[in-house]
Amino acid sequence: MTITVKRLVGHEIPEGLRHPLVAELWAVSINGEVYQYCSTEAEAFGLQAALEEAEEARRPKFSGPGM
């Protein structure tokens, strides 16, 4: 799973989320599909870290050749 964060400004901001007070948004995507929009860079990278940790916890753990 690939999780990315992209800063959106101006016309990159989806029309439904545009507002005179919104100068930028951050899009957090999973495998190229937007998962969530965040209002701050810190929020976006925090979400990315949380998603990566959840994915790591979900993966099966192998303890060695005895399995």
C-alpha atoms as a PDB file:
ATOM      1  CA  MET A   1       0.000   0.000   0.000  1.00  0.00           C
ATOM      2  CA  THR A   2       1.382   3.398  -0.984  1.00  0.00           C
ATOM      3  CA  ILE A   3       0.354   6.371   1.154  1.00  0.00           C
ATOM      4  CA  THR A   4       1.198   9.841  -0.134  1.00  0.00           C
ATOM      5  CA  VAL A   5       0.614  13.439   0.931  1.00  0.00           C
ATOM      6  CA  LYS A   6       0.193  16.254  -1.599  1.00  0.00           C
ATOM      7  CA  ARG A   7      -0.242  19.973  -1.009  1.00  0.00           C
ATOM      8  CA  LEU A   8      -3.121  21.456  -3.011  1.00  0.00           C
ATOM      9  CA  VAL A   9      -3.387  25.163  -3.838  1.00  0.00           C
ATOM     10  CA  GLY A  10      -5.616  27.301  -6.053  1.00  0.00           C
ATOM     11  CA  HIS A  11      -7.355  25.372  -8.810  1.00  0.00           C
ATOM     12  CA  GLU A  12      -5.997  22.053  -7.423  1.00  0.00           C
ATOM     13  CA  ILE A  13      -8.406  22.339  -4.484  1.00  0.00           C
ATOM     14  CA  PRO A  14     -11.644  20.472  -5.299  1.00  0.00           C
ATOM     15  CA  GLU A  15     -14.426  22.909  -6.162  1.00  0.00           C
ATOM     16  CA  GLY A  16     -16.648  21.799  -3.281  1.00  0.00           C
ATOM     17  CA  LEU A  17     -13.888  22.581  -0.782  1.00  0.00           C
ATOM     18  CA  ARG A  18     -12.843  25.972  -2.149  1.00  0.00           C
ATOM     19  CA  HIS A  19     -13.397  29.016   0.034  1.00  0.00           C
ATOM     20  CA  PRO A  20     -11.773  32.462   0.185  1.00  0.00           C
ATOM     21  CA  LEU A  21     -10.218  31.538   3.543  1.00  0.00           C
ATOM     22  CA  VAL A  22      -8.797  28.224   2.256  1.00  0.00           C
ATOM     23  CA  ALA A  23      -5.394  28.940   0.715  1.00  0.00           C
ATOM     24  CA  GLU A  24      -4.232  25.321   0.714  1.00  0.00           C
ATOM     25  CA  LEU A  25      -5.356  21.806   1.536  1.00  0.00           C
ATOM     26  CA  TRP A  26      -3.433  18.583   1.959  1.00  0.00           C
ATOM     27  CA  ALA A  27      -4.618  15.408   0.238  1.00  0.00           C
ATOM     28  CA  VAL A  28      -3.711  12.073   1.812  1.00  0.00           C
ATOM     29  CA  SER A  29      -3.967   9.309  -0.787  1.00  0.00           C
ATOM     30  CA  ILE A  30      -3.783   5.546  -0.625  1.00  0.00           C
ATOM     31  CA  ASN A  31      -2.681   3.855  -3.846  1.00  0.00           C
ATOM     32  CA  GLY A  32      -3.418   7.028  -5.815  1.00  0.00           C
ATOM     33  CA  GLU A  33      -6.968   7.550  -4.496  1.00  0.00           C
ATOM     34  CA  VAL A  34      -7.682  10.438  -2.119  1.00  0.00           C
ATOM     35  CA  TYR A  35      -8.481   9.047   1.309  1.00  0.00           C
ATOM     36  CA  GLN A  36      -8.934  12.331   3.182  1.00  0.00           C
ATOM     37  CA  TYR A  37      -8.308  16.074   2.865  1.00  0.00           C
ATOM     38  CA  CYS A  38      -6.542  17.810   5.751  1.00  0.00           C
ATOM     39  CA  SER A  39      -6.359  21.511   6.571  1.00  0.00           C
ATOM     40  CA  THR A  40      -2.772  21.484   7.848  1.00  0.00           C
ATOM     41  CA  GLU A  41       0.490  19.855   6.849  1.00  0.00           C
ATOM     42  CA  ALA A  42       0.934  18.460  10.367  1.00  0.00           C
ATOM     43  CA  GLU A  43      -2.506  16.846  10.278  1.00  0.00           C
ATOM     44  CA  ALA A  44      -1.802  15.290   6.864  1.00  0.00           C
ATOM     45  CA  PHE A  45       1.563  13.825   7.807  1.00  0.00           C
ATOM     46  CA  GLY A  46       0.153  12.629  11.140  1.00  0.00           C
ATOM     47  CA  LEU A  47      -2.609  10.799   9.285  1.00  0.00           C
ATOM     48  CA  GLN A  48      -0.055   9.325   6.882  1.00  0.00           C
ATOM     49  CA  ALA A  49       1.998   8.015   9.813  1.00  0.00           C
ATOM     50  CA  ALA A  50      -1.084   6.552  11.504  1.00  0.00           C
ATOM     51  CA  LEU A  51      -2.169   4.807   8.294  1.00  0.00           C
ATOM     52  CA  GLU A  52       1.319   3.382   7.773  1.00  0.00           C
ATOM     53  CA  GLU A  53       1.399   2.095  11.365  1.00  0.00           C
ATOM     54  CA  ALA A  54      -2.040   0.501  10.936  1.00  0.00           C
ATOM     55  CA  GLU A  55      -0.886  -1.190   7.730  1.00  0.00           C
ATOM     56  CA  GLU A  56       2.265  -2.486   9.426  1.00  0.00           C
ATOM     57  CA  ALA A  57       0.211  -3.869  12.328  1.00  0.00           C
ATOM     58  CA  ARG A  58      -2.180  -5.560   9.893  1.00  0.00           C
ATOM     59  CA  ARG A  59       0.565  -7.427   8.046  1.00  0.00           C
ATOM     60  CA  PRO A  60       1.262 -10.963   9.220  1.00  0.00           C
ATOM     61  CA  LYS A  61       4.409 -11.399  11.259  1.00  0.00           C
ATOM     62  CA  PHE A  62       6.714 -14.295  10.457  1.00  0.00           C
ATOM     63  CA  SER A  63       8.842 -15.588  13.279  1.00  0.00           C
ATOM     64  CA  GLY A  64      11.212 -17.621  11.172  1.00  0.00           C
ATOM     65  CA  PRO A  65      11.623 -20.948   9.392  1.00  0.00           C
ATOM     66  CA  GLY A  66       9.614 -22.916  11.972  1.00  0.00           C
ATOM     67  CA  MET A  67       6.310 -21.513  10.722  1.00  0.00           C
END
